Amino acid sequence: MIKQIFDVLSEKGFNVFLPSQHKGECTEPYVVVKLDGVTKEVGVSSERPIYTFMVYVPFNHYSILETMIFEIKQVLKTLYPAIMYAGNESTSYYDEEVNAHMVSFQYQGIRKIENF
C-alpha cells in the first residue's frame, strides 16, 4: 500500500519521501509517508495498518500548510476504501533541523491476516 500511496501522490505533483529519504533543509513543500504500526481487533480476520503523513513546508510558507494538507487528503480519497482517514492530526510543529513547519495526520488501511 505504501507504494500505491507514494505513486498516487507523486502523480499529482507532490514531493513524496519515505522515512530518511529527504536530506537537508526544507526548501519546498514535501510529504513523508510511513507505516506506523498495525492494530488488530480480537476475533476479526483482518488488521489495520496505520499510515502517518508528515507534511513539511519551508519556514516562510506557513500559510500554505493548511491548503497542502487539504489537497493531499483529496488525493487520498481516491484510495478509499483501501485506506481511510483516522482522524488523528497533530498541531503544527516547527522543526529546526530542517527549518520547516510540519503537521502529521494518520490513515488506516485494512488487510487480511495471513497465516504463516
Protein backbone atom coordinates (compact mmCIF):
# COMPACT_ATOMS: atom_id res chain seq x y z
CA MET A 1 0.00 0.00 0.00
CA ILE A 2 2.88 2.39 0.72
CA LYS A 3 3.91 2.13 -2.94
CA GLN A 4 0.36 2.93 -4.09
CA ILE A 5 0.19 5.93 -1.76
CA PHE A 6 3.63 7.11 -2.90
CA ASP A 7 2.70 6.72 -6.58
CA VAL A 8 -0.69 8.46 -6.41
CA LEU A 9 0.73 11.46 -4.52
CA SER A 10 3.72 11.68 -6.87
CA GLU A 11 1.45 11.54 -9.93
CA LYS A 12 -0.49 14.52 -8.55
CA GLY A 13 2.70 16.56 -8.28
CA PHE A 14 3.58 16.24 -4.60
CA ASN A 15 7.19 15.78 -3.49
CA VAL A 16 6.90 12.47 -1.63
CA PHE A 17 9.51 10.75 0.51
CA LEU A 18 9.73 7.68 2.67
CA PRO A 19 11.38 7.93 6.11
CA SER A 20 15.05 9.03 5.99
CA GLN A 21 14.97 9.84 2.26
CA HIS A 22 14.77 13.64 2.48
CA LYS A 23 18.08 15.24 3.41
CA GLY A 24 18.85 18.81 4.38
CA GLU A 25 16.79 21.92 4.80
CA CYS A 26 13.22 22.18 3.54
CA THR A 27 13.32 24.49 0.50
CA GLU A 28 9.99 23.38 -0.99
CA PRO A 29 6.92 21.61 0.42
CA TYR A 30 7.03 17.84 0.75
CA VAL A 31 5.31 14.94 2.47
CA VAL A 32 6.83 11.93 4.23
CA VAL A 33 4.76 8.72 4.28
CA LYS A 34 5.48 5.93 6.74
CA LEU A 35 3.93 2.77 8.10
CA ASP A 36 3.34 3.43 11.78
CA GLY A 37 2.33 0.05 13.14
CA VAL A 38 -0.70 -2.21 12.90
CA THR A 39 -3.77 -2.63 15.07
CA LYS A 40 -5.88 -5.77 15.30
CA GLU A 41 -9.26 -6.39 16.83
CA VAL A 42 -9.82 -9.68 18.62
CA GLY A 43 -11.95 -12.16 16.70
CA VAL A 44 -11.54 -10.44 13.34
CA SER A 45 -9.58 -11.91 10.43
CA SER A 46 -8.16 -8.56 9.35
CA GLU A 47 -5.75 -5.99 10.72
CA ARG A 48 -5.41 -2.25 10.26
CA PRO A 49 -2.04 -0.84 9.22
CA ILE A 50 -1.59 2.79 10.26
CA TYR A 51 -0.06 5.22 7.76
CA THR A 52 1.32 8.54 9.01
CA PHE A 53 1.69 11.50 6.65
CA MET A 54 4.07 14.26 7.74
CA VAL A 55 3.62 17.44 5.69
CA TYR A 56 6.51 19.93 5.67
CA VAL A 57 6.58 23.49 4.34
CA PRO A 58 9.52 25.92 4.43
CA PHE A 59 9.62 28.22 7.47
CA ASN A 60 8.41 31.24 5.48
CA HIS A 61 5.50 29.39 3.78
CA TYR A 62 3.35 28.56 6.80
CA SER A 63 0.27 29.99 5.05
CA ILE A 64 0.22 27.13 2.51
CA LEU A 65 0.33 24.34 5.10
CA GLU A 66 -3.43 24.03 5.55
CA THR A 67 -4.07 24.06 1.79
CA MET A 68 -1.41 21.42 1.17
CA ILE A 69 -2.91 19.13 3.82
CA PHE A 70 -6.37 19.55 2.28
CA GLU A 71 -5.07 18.77 -1.22
CA ILE A 72 -3.26 15.63 -0.02
CA LYS A 73 -6.43 14.40 1.69
CA GLN A 74 -8.41 14.99 -1.51
CA VAL A 75 -5.95 12.83 -3.46
CA LEU A 76 -6.04 10.12 -0.77
CA LYS A 77 -9.83 9.87 -1.17
CA THR A 78 -9.11 8.10 -4.47
CA LEU A 79 -7.63 5.19 -2.47
CA TYR A 80 -10.81 4.67 -0.42
CA PRO A 81 -11.74 2.05 0.88
CA ALA A 82 -8.18 0.68 0.93
CA ILE A 83 -7.24 3.50 3.31
CA MET A 84 -9.46 5.77 5.41
CA TYR A 85 -8.79 8.94 7.39
CA ALA A 86 -8.24 8.01 11.04
CA GLY A 87 -8.85 11.47 12.47
CA ASN A 88 -5.51 11.76 14.27
CA GLU A 89 -3.94 15.09 13.34
CA SER A 90 -1.19 16.97 15.15
CA THR A 91 -0.86 20.68 15.72
CA SER A 92 1.78 22.42 13.63
CA TYR A 93 5.33 21.94 14.81
CA TYR A 94 8.39 23.95 13.82
CA ASP A 95 11.25 21.55 13.07
CA GLU A 96 14.50 23.47 13.49
CA GLU A 97 16.55 20.64 11.99
CA VAL A 98 15.00 21.16 8.53
CA ASN A 99 13.81 24.76 9.08
CA ALA A 100 10.17 23.87 8.32
CA HIS A 101 6.68 23.71 9.77
CA MET A 102 5.19 20.22 9.97
CA VAL A 103 1.76 18.70 10.59
CA SER A 104 1.14 14.97 10.73
CA PHE A 105 -2.08 13.02 10.26
CA GLN A 106 -3.00 9.34 10.01
CA TYR A 107 -4.95 6.98 7.82
CA GLN A 108 -5.86 3.36 8.48
CA GLY A 109 -5.75 0.59 5.94
CA ILE A 110 -7.23 -2.86 6.06
CA ARG A 111 -5.71 -6.17 5.11
CA LYS A 112 -6.41 -9.82 5.68
CA ILE A 113 -4.26 -11.56 8.26
CA GLU A 114 -2.27 -14.27 6.52
CA ASN A 115 -1.43 -17.45 8.40
CA PHE A 116 2.25 -18.26 8.01
